N, C-alpha and C. Protein backbone atom coordinates (compact mmCIF):
# COMPACT_ATOMS: atom_id res chain seq x y z
N MET A 1 7.53 -8.24 17.62
CA MET A 1 8.45 -7.84 16.54
C MET A 1 7.68 -6.99 15.49
N VAL A 2 8.35 -5.97 15.06
CA VAL A 2 7.89 -5.17 13.89
C VAL A 2 8.96 -5.25 12.82
N VAL A 3 8.58 -5.73 11.64
CA VAL A 3 9.46 -5.79 10.52
C VAL A 3 9.00 -4.69 9.51
N ALA A 4 9.85 -3.69 9.29
CA ALA A 4 9.51 -2.56 8.40
C ALA A 4 10.24 -2.78 7.07
N VAL A 5 9.51 -2.83 6.00
CA VAL A 5 10.08 -3.02 4.68
C VAL A 5 9.69 -1.85 3.79
N ASP A 6 10.70 -1.07 3.45
CA ASP A 6 10.52 0.05 2.52
C ASP A 6 11.26 -0.28 1.24
N GLY A 7 10.94 0.54 0.20
CA GLY A 7 11.66 0.37 -1.04
C GLY A 7 10.92 0.89 -2.23
N THR A 8 11.53 0.74 -3.36
CA THR A 8 11.00 1.31 -4.62
C THR A 8 9.85 0.49 -5.16
N SER A 9 9.02 1.11 -6.02
CA SER A 9 7.88 0.47 -6.63
C SER A 9 8.38 -0.72 -7.52
N GLY A 10 7.68 -1.82 -7.46
CA GLY A 10 8.02 -2.92 -8.29
C GLY A 10 9.18 -3.77 -7.82
N SER A 11 9.68 -3.57 -6.60
CA SER A 11 10.83 -4.30 -6.08
C SER A 11 10.41 -5.60 -5.43
N GLY A 12 9.11 -5.81 -5.30
CA GLY A 12 8.59 -7.07 -4.71
C GLY A 12 8.21 -6.98 -3.22
N LYS A 13 7.95 -5.74 -2.76
CA LYS A 13 7.66 -5.61 -1.32
C LYS A 13 6.39 -6.40 -0.95
N SER A 14 5.33 -6.24 -1.68
CA SER A 14 4.07 -6.83 -1.26
C SER A 14 4.19 -8.37 -1.16
N SER A 15 4.60 -9.00 -2.23
CA SER A 15 4.76 -10.46 -2.19
C SER A 15 5.71 -10.92 -1.13
N THR A 16 6.81 -10.30 -0.98
CA THR A 16 7.76 -10.62 0.04
C THR A 16 7.16 -10.51 1.41
N CYS A 17 6.54 -9.39 1.71
CA CYS A 17 6.02 -9.16 3.03
C CYS A 17 4.89 -10.12 3.43
N ARG A 18 4.06 -10.42 2.46
CA ARG A 18 2.97 -11.38 2.80
C ARG A 18 3.54 -12.72 3.15
N LEU A 19 4.51 -13.22 2.40
CA LEU A 19 5.14 -14.51 2.64
C LEU A 19 5.90 -14.51 3.92
N VAL A 20 6.64 -13.43 4.19
CA VAL A 20 7.42 -13.31 5.43
C VAL A 20 6.47 -13.39 6.64
N ALA A 21 5.35 -12.61 6.58
CA ALA A 21 4.44 -12.59 7.64
C ALA A 21 3.80 -13.96 7.91
N GLU A 22 3.46 -14.65 6.77
CA GLU A 22 2.91 -15.97 6.90
C GLU A 22 3.91 -16.95 7.54
N ARG A 23 5.17 -16.92 7.14
CA ARG A 23 6.16 -17.85 7.68
C ARG A 23 6.47 -17.57 9.13
N LEU A 24 6.38 -16.30 9.53
CA LEU A 24 6.71 -15.90 10.93
C LEU A 24 5.52 -15.85 11.83
N GLY A 25 4.33 -16.08 11.25
CA GLY A 25 3.09 -16.02 12.04
C GLY A 25 2.74 -14.61 12.53
N LEU A 26 3.07 -13.64 11.72
CA LEU A 26 2.83 -12.26 12.05
C LEU A 26 1.65 -11.69 11.24
N ARG A 27 1.17 -10.50 11.64
CA ARG A 27 0.19 -9.81 10.85
C ARG A 27 0.95 -9.07 9.68
N TYR A 28 0.13 -8.53 8.77
CA TYR A 28 0.68 -7.86 7.60
C TYR A 28 -0.07 -6.61 7.30
N LEU A 29 0.68 -5.50 7.02
CA LEU A 29 0.03 -4.23 6.65
C LEU A 29 0.65 -3.67 5.41
N ASP A 30 -0.21 -3.42 4.41
CA ASP A 30 0.25 -2.82 3.16
C ASP A 30 -0.14 -1.37 3.19
N THR A 31 0.79 -0.47 3.58
CA THR A 31 0.41 0.94 3.70
C THR A 31 0.24 1.58 2.32
N GLY A 32 0.84 1.04 1.27
CA GLY A 32 0.58 1.56 -0.02
C GLY A 32 -0.88 1.40 -0.45
N ALA A 33 -1.49 0.35 -0.05
CA ALA A 33 -2.89 0.12 -0.36
C ALA A 33 -3.78 1.20 0.34
N MET A 34 -3.31 1.72 1.48
CA MET A 34 -4.07 2.74 2.18
C MET A 34 -4.02 4.04 1.33
N TYR A 35 -2.83 4.38 0.82
CA TYR A 35 -2.80 5.60 -0.02
C TYR A 35 -3.57 5.41 -1.35
N ARG A 36 -3.51 4.23 -1.86
CA ARG A 36 -4.28 3.91 -3.07
C ARG A 36 -5.78 4.07 -2.81
N ALA A 37 -6.22 3.60 -1.63
CA ALA A 37 -7.61 3.66 -1.36
C ALA A 37 -8.06 5.16 -1.20
N VAL A 38 -7.28 5.94 -0.55
CA VAL A 38 -7.60 7.35 -0.45
C VAL A 38 -7.65 8.03 -1.80
N ALA A 39 -6.71 7.68 -2.68
CA ALA A 39 -6.72 8.21 -4.07
C ALA A 39 -7.98 7.81 -4.79
N TRP A 40 -8.33 6.53 -4.61
CA TRP A 40 -9.55 6.02 -5.30
C TRP A 40 -10.79 6.80 -4.78
N TRP A 41 -10.87 6.99 -3.50
CA TRP A 41 -11.96 7.76 -2.87
C TRP A 41 -12.03 9.16 -3.44
N MET A 42 -10.89 9.82 -3.60
CA MET A 42 -10.90 11.15 -4.12
C MET A 42 -11.39 11.21 -5.53
N LEU A 43 -11.00 10.23 -6.35
CA LEU A 43 -11.49 10.12 -7.71
C LEU A 43 -12.95 9.90 -7.77
N GLN A 44 -13.47 9.01 -6.88
CA GLN A 44 -14.89 8.74 -6.86
C GLN A 44 -15.74 9.94 -6.40
N HIS A 45 -15.10 10.83 -5.65
CA HIS A 45 -15.85 12.01 -5.20
C HIS A 45 -15.49 13.29 -5.96
N ASP A 46 -14.93 13.11 -7.16
CA ASP A 46 -14.64 14.25 -8.04
C ASP A 46 -13.74 15.32 -7.39
N VAL A 47 -12.82 14.87 -6.61
CA VAL A 47 -11.87 15.79 -6.01
C VAL A 47 -10.73 16.02 -7.03
N ASN A 48 -10.31 17.23 -7.13
CA ASN A 48 -9.18 17.52 -8.04
C ASN A 48 -7.89 17.07 -7.34
N ILE A 49 -7.34 15.95 -7.74
CA ILE A 49 -6.21 15.40 -7.02
C ILE A 49 -4.94 16.24 -7.13
N TYR A 50 -4.96 17.16 -8.03
CA TYR A 50 -3.73 18.04 -8.18
C TYR A 50 -3.90 19.37 -7.40
N ASP A 51 -5.04 19.47 -6.69
CA ASP A 51 -5.26 20.66 -5.86
C ASP A 51 -5.02 20.26 -4.41
N VAL A 52 -3.87 20.65 -3.92
CA VAL A 52 -3.44 20.24 -2.57
C VAL A 52 -4.46 20.65 -1.52
N ASP A 53 -5.02 21.83 -1.58
CA ASP A 53 -5.94 22.29 -0.54
C ASP A 53 -7.25 21.52 -0.63
N GLU A 54 -7.70 21.22 -1.82
CA GLU A 54 -8.97 20.45 -1.95
C GLU A 54 -8.77 19.08 -1.39
N VAL A 55 -7.67 18.39 -1.74
CA VAL A 55 -7.44 17.08 -1.20
C VAL A 55 -7.32 17.08 0.34
N ALA A 56 -6.58 18.08 0.81
CA ALA A 56 -6.36 18.22 2.29
C ALA A 56 -7.68 18.41 2.98
N ALA A 57 -8.60 19.19 2.42
CA ALA A 57 -9.83 19.57 3.06
C ALA A 57 -10.78 18.29 3.21
N ARG A 58 -10.51 17.29 2.45
CA ARG A 58 -11.38 16.11 2.46
C ARG A 58 -10.68 14.87 2.92
N ALA A 59 -9.41 15.02 3.31
CA ALA A 59 -8.63 13.87 3.72
C ALA A 59 -9.16 13.12 4.90
N HIS A 60 -9.92 13.82 5.76
CA HIS A 60 -10.46 13.16 6.99
C HIS A 60 -11.73 12.38 6.72
N GLU A 61 -12.33 12.50 5.52
CA GLU A 61 -13.65 11.95 5.27
C GLU A 61 -13.69 10.37 5.03
N PRO A 62 -12.75 9.83 4.27
CA PRO A 62 -12.86 8.37 3.99
C PRO A 62 -12.73 7.53 5.28
N LEU A 63 -13.67 6.61 5.40
CA LEU A 63 -13.56 5.65 6.53
C LEU A 63 -12.79 4.46 6.05
N LEU A 64 -11.58 4.31 6.55
CA LEU A 64 -10.65 3.38 5.97
C LEU A 64 -10.26 2.33 7.03
N GLU A 65 -10.27 1.02 6.58
CA GLU A 65 -9.91 -0.07 7.45
C GLU A 65 -9.01 -1.02 6.68
N SER A 66 -7.91 -1.46 7.30
CA SER A 66 -6.98 -2.42 6.68
C SER A 66 -7.01 -3.72 7.36
N GLY A 67 -7.32 -4.83 6.62
CA GLY A 67 -7.22 -6.15 7.18
C GLY A 67 -5.75 -6.55 7.27
N THR A 68 -5.38 -7.33 8.26
CA THR A 68 -3.95 -7.67 8.40
C THR A 68 -3.67 -9.12 8.33
N ASP A 69 -4.54 -9.89 7.73
CA ASP A 69 -4.29 -11.35 7.50
C ASP A 69 -3.42 -11.46 6.25
N PRO A 70 -2.20 -11.99 6.35
CA PRO A 70 -1.35 -12.05 5.17
C PRO A 70 -1.90 -12.94 4.08
N LEU A 71 -2.74 -13.86 4.43
CA LEU A 71 -3.28 -14.79 3.41
C LEU A 71 -4.42 -14.11 2.65
N ARG A 72 -5.05 -13.15 3.29
CA ARG A 72 -6.18 -12.46 2.63
C ARG A 72 -6.22 -11.00 3.11
N PRO A 73 -5.25 -10.18 2.71
CA PRO A 73 -5.25 -8.78 3.11
C PRO A 73 -6.44 -8.08 2.43
N THR A 74 -7.10 -7.18 3.18
CA THR A 74 -8.18 -6.46 2.67
C THR A 74 -8.03 -4.95 2.93
N ILE A 75 -8.72 -4.14 2.14
CA ILE A 75 -8.76 -2.71 2.37
C ILE A 75 -10.23 -2.29 2.11
N THR A 76 -10.85 -1.65 3.09
CA THR A 76 -12.26 -1.24 2.89
C THR A 76 -12.35 0.23 3.11
N LEU A 77 -13.28 0.81 2.22
CA LEU A 77 -13.62 2.24 2.34
C LEU A 77 -15.09 2.35 2.62
N ASP A 78 -15.44 2.98 3.66
CA ASP A 78 -16.80 3.15 4.08
C ASP A 78 -17.56 1.81 4.09
N GLY A 79 -16.84 0.78 4.47
CA GLY A 79 -17.38 -0.59 4.70
C GLY A 79 -17.41 -1.43 3.44
N VAL A 80 -16.84 -0.92 2.34
CA VAL A 80 -16.86 -1.69 1.11
C VAL A 80 -15.39 -2.08 0.76
N ASP A 81 -15.17 -3.38 0.42
CA ASP A 81 -13.81 -3.81 0.05
C ASP A 81 -13.46 -3.31 -1.34
N VAL A 82 -12.35 -2.55 -1.39
CA VAL A 82 -11.98 -1.99 -2.71
C VAL A 82 -10.62 -2.51 -3.09
N SER A 83 -10.27 -3.72 -2.68
CA SER A 83 -9.01 -4.30 -3.00
C SER A 83 -8.69 -4.37 -4.48
N VAL A 84 -9.74 -4.68 -5.27
CA VAL A 84 -9.57 -4.73 -6.75
C VAL A 84 -9.52 -3.35 -7.35
N GLU A 85 -10.46 -2.47 -6.97
CA GLU A 85 -10.58 -1.16 -7.52
C GLU A 85 -9.29 -0.32 -7.42
N ILE A 86 -8.60 -0.44 -6.31
CA ILE A 86 -7.44 0.39 -6.07
C ILE A 86 -6.20 0.01 -6.98
N ARG A 87 -6.29 -1.05 -7.75
CA ARG A 87 -5.19 -1.46 -8.59
C ARG A 87 -5.43 -1.01 -10.04
N SER A 88 -6.35 -0.09 -10.25
CA SER A 88 -6.71 0.29 -11.60
C SER A 88 -5.61 1.32 -12.11
N GLU A 89 -5.61 1.50 -13.43
CA GLU A 89 -4.65 2.48 -14.02
C GLU A 89 -4.96 3.90 -13.50
N ALA A 90 -6.22 4.20 -13.33
CA ALA A 90 -6.60 5.51 -12.83
C ALA A 90 -5.99 5.78 -11.45
N VAL A 91 -6.00 4.78 -10.63
CA VAL A 91 -5.44 4.96 -9.24
C VAL A 91 -3.90 5.02 -9.40
N ASN A 92 -3.38 4.20 -10.27
CA ASN A 92 -1.87 4.22 -10.44
C ASN A 92 -1.44 5.67 -10.74
N ALA A 93 -2.24 6.42 -11.55
CA ALA A 93 -1.85 7.78 -11.96
C ALA A 93 -2.14 8.75 -10.84
N ALA A 94 -3.12 8.40 -10.01
CA ALA A 94 -3.53 9.40 -8.93
C ALA A 94 -2.84 9.28 -7.62
N VAL A 95 -2.27 8.12 -7.34
CA VAL A 95 -1.75 7.87 -5.96
C VAL A 95 -0.55 8.71 -5.59
N SER A 96 0.29 9.02 -6.52
CA SER A 96 1.49 9.87 -6.20
C SER A 96 1.07 11.29 -5.77
N PRO A 97 0.24 12.01 -6.58
CA PRO A 97 -0.09 13.38 -6.13
C PRO A 97 -0.89 13.37 -4.86
N VAL A 98 -1.80 12.40 -4.67
CA VAL A 98 -2.56 12.32 -3.41
C VAL A 98 -1.62 12.03 -2.23
N SER A 99 -0.68 11.12 -2.38
CA SER A 99 0.16 10.71 -1.30
C SER A 99 1.14 11.82 -0.87
N THR A 100 1.37 12.81 -1.69
CA THR A 100 2.30 13.88 -1.33
C THR A 100 1.61 14.92 -0.43
N VAL A 101 0.34 14.86 -0.32
CA VAL A 101 -0.39 15.93 0.47
C VAL A 101 -0.15 15.67 1.94
N PRO A 102 0.42 16.61 2.69
CA PRO A 102 0.74 16.40 4.09
C PRO A 102 -0.43 15.97 5.00
N ALA A 103 -1.61 16.46 4.71
CA ALA A 103 -2.81 16.13 5.46
C ALA A 103 -3.16 14.64 5.29
N VAL A 104 -2.97 14.13 4.10
CA VAL A 104 -3.26 12.66 3.82
C VAL A 104 -2.19 11.87 4.58
N ARG A 105 -0.98 12.21 4.45
CA ARG A 105 0.11 11.43 5.15
C ARG A 105 -0.05 11.51 6.63
N ALA A 106 -0.42 12.62 7.18
CA ALA A 106 -0.56 12.70 8.61
C ALA A 106 -1.70 11.75 9.08
N ARG A 107 -2.80 11.78 8.39
CA ARG A 107 -3.94 10.92 8.83
C ARG A 107 -3.56 9.46 8.68
N LEU A 108 -2.97 9.08 7.57
CA LEU A 108 -2.68 7.66 7.38
C LEU A 108 -1.55 7.17 8.28
N VAL A 109 -0.59 8.00 8.58
CA VAL A 109 0.42 7.57 9.47
C VAL A 109 -0.17 7.29 10.91
N ASP A 110 -1.08 8.15 11.31
CA ASP A 110 -1.78 7.87 12.58
C ASP A 110 -2.45 6.51 12.55
N LEU A 111 -3.16 6.24 11.44
CA LEU A 111 -3.85 4.90 11.29
C LEU A 111 -2.86 3.77 11.28
N GLN A 112 -1.77 3.99 10.59
CA GLN A 112 -0.73 2.95 10.50
C GLN A 112 -0.16 2.59 11.87
N ARG A 113 0.17 3.66 12.59
CA ARG A 113 0.72 3.43 13.96
C ARG A 113 -0.28 2.75 14.88
N ALA A 114 -1.55 3.06 14.72
CA ALA A 114 -2.57 2.45 15.56
C ALA A 114 -2.66 0.93 15.23
N THR A 115 -2.52 0.65 13.93
CA THR A 115 -2.62 -0.76 13.48
C THR A 115 -1.37 -1.53 13.94
N ILE A 116 -0.22 -0.94 13.86
CA ILE A 116 0.99 -1.64 14.36
C ILE A 116 0.90 -1.91 15.78
N GLY A 117 0.41 -0.99 16.59
CA GLY A 117 0.12 -1.20 18.00
C GLY A 117 1.33 -1.74 18.73
N GLU A 118 1.15 -2.92 19.31
CA GLU A 118 2.11 -3.56 20.13
C GLU A 118 3.07 -4.48 19.32
N GLY A 119 2.90 -4.47 17.98
CA GLY A 119 3.81 -5.23 17.14
C GLY A 119 3.20 -6.55 16.61
N GLY A 120 4.11 -7.46 16.35
CA GLY A 120 3.68 -8.74 15.75
C GLY A 120 3.20 -8.54 14.34
N ILE A 121 4.00 -7.77 13.53
CA ILE A 121 3.49 -7.34 12.20
C ILE A 121 4.65 -7.06 11.28
N VAL A 122 4.41 -7.37 9.95
CA VAL A 122 5.30 -6.95 8.91
C VAL A 122 4.61 -5.80 8.13
N VAL A 123 5.28 -4.71 8.00
CA VAL A 123 4.69 -3.51 7.42
C VAL A 123 5.51 -3.10 6.21
N GLU A 124 4.81 -2.88 5.08
CA GLU A 124 5.57 -2.43 3.89
C GLU A 124 5.10 -1.00 3.50
N GLY A 125 6.00 -0.27 2.94
CA GLY A 125 5.71 1.08 2.45
C GLY A 125 6.93 1.76 1.93
N ARG A 126 6.95 3.08 2.11
CA ARG A 126 8.06 3.91 1.61
C ARG A 126 8.61 4.80 2.73
N ASP A 127 7.96 4.82 3.87
CA ASP A 127 8.45 5.65 4.98
C ASP A 127 8.29 4.92 6.32
N ILE A 128 8.19 3.62 6.31
CA ILE A 128 7.91 2.88 7.55
C ILE A 128 9.08 2.93 8.50
N GLY A 129 10.27 2.59 8.04
CA GLY A 129 11.42 2.57 8.96
C GLY A 129 11.97 3.98 9.23
N SER A 130 11.66 4.96 8.37
CA SER A 130 12.13 6.28 8.57
C SER A 130 11.23 7.23 9.35
N VAL A 131 9.87 7.01 9.19
CA VAL A 131 8.92 7.88 9.81
C VAL A 131 7.89 7.17 10.66
N VAL A 132 7.21 6.23 10.06
CA VAL A 132 6.05 5.54 10.76
C VAL A 132 6.55 4.86 12.02
N TRP A 133 7.54 4.02 11.86
CA TRP A 133 7.98 3.15 12.98
C TRP A 133 9.52 3.00 13.05
N PRO A 134 10.23 4.09 13.28
CA PRO A 134 11.71 4.09 13.19
C PRO A 134 12.30 3.13 14.21
N ASP A 135 11.59 2.71 15.26
CA ASP A 135 12.16 1.75 16.23
C ASP A 135 11.90 0.31 15.89
N ALA A 136 11.51 0.06 14.68
CA ALA A 136 11.23 -1.33 14.25
C ALA A 136 12.42 -2.25 14.53
N GLY A 137 12.17 -3.46 14.93
CA GLY A 137 13.23 -4.36 15.29
C GLY A 137 14.06 -4.80 14.10
N LEU A 138 13.45 -4.80 12.95
CA LEU A 138 14.16 -5.07 11.71
C LEU A 138 13.67 -4.11 10.61
N LYS A 139 14.63 -3.41 10.01
CA LYS A 139 14.26 -2.53 8.89
C LYS A 139 14.95 -3.01 7.61
N ILE A 140 14.15 -3.16 6.56
CA ILE A 140 14.68 -3.70 5.25
C ILE A 140 14.45 -2.54 4.23
N TYR A 141 15.42 -2.33 3.35
CA TYR A 141 15.27 -1.46 2.24
C TYR A 141 15.35 -2.32 0.99
N LEU A 142 14.24 -2.60 0.34
CA LEU A 142 14.17 -3.56 -0.81
C LEU A 142 14.17 -2.83 -2.10
N THR A 143 15.13 -3.15 -2.97
CA THR A 143 15.23 -2.50 -4.30
C THR A 143 15.52 -3.59 -5.38
N ALA A 144 15.45 -3.14 -6.62
CA ALA A 144 15.85 -3.93 -7.76
C ALA A 144 16.14 -2.89 -8.86
N ASP A 145 16.94 -3.34 -9.85
CA ASP A 145 17.21 -2.35 -10.93
C ASP A 145 15.96 -2.09 -11.74
N PRO A 146 15.85 -0.94 -12.37
CA PRO A 146 14.65 -0.51 -13.07
C PRO A 146 14.16 -1.51 -14.07
N ALA A 147 15.06 -2.12 -14.82
CA ALA A 147 14.62 -3.08 -15.88
C ALA A 147 13.92 -4.28 -15.24
N ALA A 148 14.50 -4.82 -14.15
CA ALA A 148 13.88 -5.97 -13.52
C ALA A 148 12.50 -5.60 -12.91
N ARG A 149 12.45 -4.45 -12.31
CA ARG A 149 11.16 -3.98 -11.73
C ARG A 149 10.11 -3.85 -12.83
N ALA A 150 10.51 -3.33 -13.95
CA ALA A 150 9.52 -3.07 -15.05
C ALA A 150 9.08 -4.43 -15.61
N ARG A 151 9.95 -5.36 -15.77
CA ARG A 151 9.53 -6.72 -16.27
C ARG A 151 8.57 -7.34 -15.33
N ARG A 152 8.81 -7.25 -14.04
CA ARG A 152 7.94 -7.87 -13.02
C ARG A 152 6.56 -7.17 -13.06
N ARG A 153 6.54 -5.86 -13.05
CA ARG A 153 5.30 -5.11 -12.97
C ARG A 153 4.47 -5.28 -14.24
N ALA A 154 5.15 -5.33 -15.40
CA ALA A 154 4.48 -5.59 -16.64
C ALA A 154 3.79 -6.96 -16.71
N ALA A 155 4.53 -7.95 -16.15
CA ALA A 155 4.00 -9.29 -16.10
C ALA A 155 2.78 -9.39 -15.22
N GLU A 156 2.84 -8.69 -14.11
CA GLU A 156 1.69 -8.70 -13.18
C GLU A 156 0.48 -7.98 -13.80
N ALA A 157 0.75 -6.97 -14.62
CA ALA A 157 -0.37 -6.21 -15.26
C ALA A 157 -0.80 -6.86 -16.54
N GLY A 158 -0.08 -7.85 -17.09
CA GLY A 158 -0.45 -8.46 -18.28
C GLY A 158 -0.20 -7.61 -19.52
N THR A 159 0.81 -6.72 -19.46
CA THR A 159 1.16 -5.86 -20.56
C THR A 159 2.54 -6.23 -21.14
N HIS A 160 2.70 -5.94 -22.43
CA HIS A 160 4.02 -6.20 -23.06
C HIS A 160 4.87 -4.96 -23.17
N ASP A 161 4.27 -3.82 -22.74
CA ASP A 161 4.95 -2.53 -22.89
C ASP A 161 5.84 -2.29 -21.69
N VAL A 162 6.98 -2.99 -21.69
CA VAL A 162 7.90 -2.92 -20.56
C VAL A 162 8.54 -1.53 -20.45
N ALA A 163 8.81 -0.89 -21.58
CA ALA A 163 9.45 0.45 -21.62
C ALA A 163 8.52 1.44 -20.92
N ALA A 164 7.26 1.47 -21.27
CA ALA A 164 6.34 2.41 -20.62
C ALA A 164 6.15 2.11 -19.13
N THR A 165 6.17 0.83 -18.79
CA THR A 165 6.10 0.44 -17.40
C THR A 165 7.29 0.96 -16.64
N GLN A 166 8.43 0.82 -17.27
CA GLN A 166 9.68 1.31 -16.56
C GLN A 166 9.68 2.78 -16.35
N GLU A 167 9.20 3.54 -17.34
CA GLU A 167 9.13 4.98 -17.23
C GLU A 167 8.17 5.38 -16.12
N SER A 168 7.05 4.67 -16.04
CA SER A 168 6.06 4.94 -14.98
C SER A 168 6.67 4.71 -13.62
N LEU A 169 7.42 3.63 -13.46
CA LEU A 169 8.05 3.31 -12.18
C LEU A 169 9.11 4.36 -11.80
N LEU A 170 9.89 4.78 -12.79
CA LEU A 170 10.92 5.77 -12.53
C LEU A 170 10.32 7.13 -12.16
N ASN A 171 9.17 7.45 -12.77
CA ASN A 171 8.50 8.66 -12.46
C ASN A 171 7.97 8.62 -11.02
N ARG A 172 7.46 7.45 -10.63
CA ARG A 172 6.98 7.26 -9.23
C ARG A 172 8.15 7.41 -8.29
N ASP A 173 9.31 6.87 -8.63
CA ASP A 173 10.50 7.01 -7.82
C ASP A 173 10.88 8.48 -7.61
N ARG A 174 10.83 9.21 -8.71
CA ARG A 174 11.18 10.64 -8.61
C ARG A 174 10.26 11.41 -7.71
N ILE A 175 8.97 11.14 -7.83
CA ILE A 175 7.97 11.79 -7.00
C ILE A 175 8.15 11.41 -5.51
N ASP A 176 8.28 10.15 -5.25
CA ASP A 176 8.42 9.68 -3.87
C ASP A 176 9.71 10.18 -3.22
N SER A 177 10.77 10.27 -4.03
CA SER A 177 12.08 10.69 -3.44
C SER A 177 12.11 12.17 -3.22
N ALA A 178 11.39 12.92 -4.00
CA ALA A 178 11.48 14.39 -3.98
C ALA A 178 10.42 15.07 -3.09
N ARG A 179 9.40 14.34 -2.64
CA ARG A 179 8.33 14.99 -1.93
C ARG A 179 8.88 15.54 -0.61
N THR A 180 8.28 16.63 -0.20
CA THR A 180 8.70 17.36 1.04
C THR A 180 8.50 16.58 2.30
N VAL A 181 7.37 15.92 2.40
CA VAL A 181 7.01 15.18 3.60
C VAL A 181 7.31 13.67 3.41
N ALA A 182 8.13 13.14 4.33
CA ALA A 182 8.46 11.72 4.36
C ALA A 182 8.92 11.14 2.97
N PRO A 183 9.97 11.70 2.40
CA PRO A 183 10.42 11.17 1.11
C PRO A 183 10.94 9.73 1.25
N LEU A 184 10.95 9.03 0.11
CA LEU A 184 11.50 7.68 0.11
C LEU A 184 13.01 7.74 0.32
N VAL A 185 13.52 7.19 1.40
CA VAL A 185 14.94 7.05 1.69
C VAL A 185 15.23 5.73 2.29
N MET A 186 16.55 5.35 2.30
CA MET A 186 16.92 4.23 3.05
C MET A 186 16.98 4.55 4.52
N PRO A 187 16.13 3.96 5.37
CA PRO A 187 16.14 4.34 6.80
C PRO A 187 17.46 4.04 7.50
N ASP A 188 17.79 4.84 8.52
CA ASP A 188 18.93 4.53 9.34
C ASP A 188 18.81 3.11 9.90
N GLY A 189 19.86 2.36 9.84
CA GLY A 189 19.92 1.01 10.37
C GLY A 189 19.23 -0.07 9.51
N ALA A 190 18.78 0.35 8.36
CA ALA A 190 18.11 -0.67 7.49
C ALA A 190 19.13 -1.59 6.79
N VAL A 191 18.74 -2.74 6.46
CA VAL A 191 19.50 -3.69 5.64
C VAL A 191 19.04 -3.54 4.20
N HIS A 192 19.97 -3.29 3.30
CA HIS A 192 19.64 -3.15 1.86
C HIS A 192 19.63 -4.50 1.25
N VAL A 193 18.49 -4.85 0.69
CA VAL A 193 18.31 -6.15 -0.01
C VAL A 193 17.97 -5.79 -1.49
N ASP A 194 18.92 -6.20 -2.40
CA ASP A 194 18.68 -5.99 -3.86
C ASP A 194 18.14 -7.30 -4.42
N SER A 195 16.89 -7.21 -4.91
CA SER A 195 16.21 -8.43 -5.41
C SER A 195 16.37 -8.67 -6.91
N THR A 196 17.22 -7.85 -7.56
CA THR A 196 17.37 -7.96 -9.01
C THR A 196 17.63 -9.37 -9.46
N HIS A 197 18.58 -10.07 -8.81
CA HIS A 197 18.94 -11.40 -9.29
C HIS A 197 18.45 -12.50 -8.31
N LEU A 198 17.50 -12.17 -7.52
CA LEU A 198 16.93 -13.14 -6.53
C LEU A 198 15.54 -13.51 -6.89
N SER A 199 15.17 -14.77 -6.68
CA SER A 199 13.76 -15.24 -6.81
C SER A 199 12.98 -14.71 -5.63
N LEU A 200 11.68 -14.74 -5.65
CA LEU A 200 10.86 -14.35 -4.54
C LEU A 200 11.19 -15.15 -3.34
N ASP A 201 11.27 -16.50 -3.51
CA ASP A 201 11.59 -17.33 -2.37
C ASP A 201 12.91 -17.02 -1.74
N GLU A 202 13.89 -16.66 -2.57
CA GLU A 202 15.19 -16.29 -2.04
C GLU A 202 15.17 -15.02 -1.24
N VAL A 203 14.39 -14.01 -1.70
CA VAL A 203 14.24 -12.75 -0.93
C VAL A 203 13.55 -13.05 0.38
N VAL A 204 12.52 -13.85 0.37
CA VAL A 204 11.79 -14.21 1.62
C VAL A 204 12.69 -14.91 2.58
N ASP A 205 13.56 -15.80 2.08
CA ASP A 205 14.49 -16.50 2.94
C ASP A 205 15.50 -15.53 3.60
N VAL A 206 15.92 -14.52 2.81
CA VAL A 206 16.88 -13.50 3.39
C VAL A 206 16.20 -12.74 4.53
N VAL A 207 14.96 -12.29 4.28
CA VAL A 207 14.26 -11.44 5.34
C VAL A 207 13.90 -12.33 6.58
N VAL A 208 13.45 -13.53 6.33
CA VAL A 208 13.14 -14.40 7.47
C VAL A 208 14.39 -14.69 8.21
N GLY A 209 15.51 -14.93 7.55
CA GLY A 209 16.79 -15.20 8.20
C GLY A 209 17.24 -13.97 9.07
N LEU A 210 17.03 -12.82 8.54
CA LEU A 210 17.37 -11.57 9.30
C LEU A 210 16.46 -11.45 10.56
N ALA A 211 15.19 -11.73 10.35
CA ALA A 211 14.23 -11.54 11.44
C ALA A 211 14.43 -12.62 12.55
N THR A 212 14.92 -13.77 12.22
CA THR A 212 15.05 -14.84 13.24
C THR A 212 16.54 -14.99 13.70
N ALA A 213 17.42 -14.18 13.22
CA ALA A 213 18.83 -14.28 13.66
C ALA A 213 18.96 -13.94 15.14
N PRO A 214 19.88 -14.57 15.83
CA PRO A 214 20.10 -14.20 17.22
C PRO A 214 20.52 -12.75 17.33
N ALA A 215 20.13 -12.14 18.43
CA ALA A 215 20.40 -10.69 18.64
C ALA A 215 21.84 -10.31 18.44
N ASP A 216 22.78 -11.17 18.84
CA ASP A 216 24.18 -10.81 18.77
C ASP A 216 24.80 -10.91 17.37
N VAL A 217 24.04 -11.46 16.41
CA VAL A 217 24.56 -11.53 15.02
C VAL A 217 23.64 -10.76 14.07
N ALA A 218 22.50 -10.32 14.57
CA ALA A 218 21.57 -9.55 13.71
C ALA A 218 22.20 -8.23 13.33
N PRO A 219 21.86 -7.70 12.13
CA PRO A 219 22.47 -6.44 11.70
C PRO A 219 21.99 -5.25 12.55
């Protein structure tokens, strides 16, 4: 089985996917962490992240590996775990421009497809069901209203500035939805799950229920 979960920033994809993978005994892949890792690498190597040609010229250099244990997902660059570093504010600002570069997306999509392999995995991102693995057995499009997403993300970050957090999320939505290559869309055949008024456990129950439903009643 391949469960593909796409959706907007702050809608709860990571927490949901890790718990779904754990409950179903599947592997887990956070493709967003891969883009964050490349963005962090570019910053560390003084690459102008707004220069598409410069980013593209170096997109092949980072040695990137993603751990798929849902209980302890890891992301390493050149053999060093950067799971903490890629969650910095600097990376938050850099990941959108880096992820729009076609050469970056092409390389990471190849890595993602290789990791998915024969399946048995829950994969989260913004183009999984539409581009990376359109034949996924279950495709979920997870969203929440902007206010709910901002409250959750602000709580995670330990900030009280919910308004600024919401504007940042909406800006990320605009960039992801407008990019030329693999824009954020609801994939064909995906089930739309709105988590605005659902707890994390309730969202997980919904996805697990869809994944384990008999074929003749599955969406």
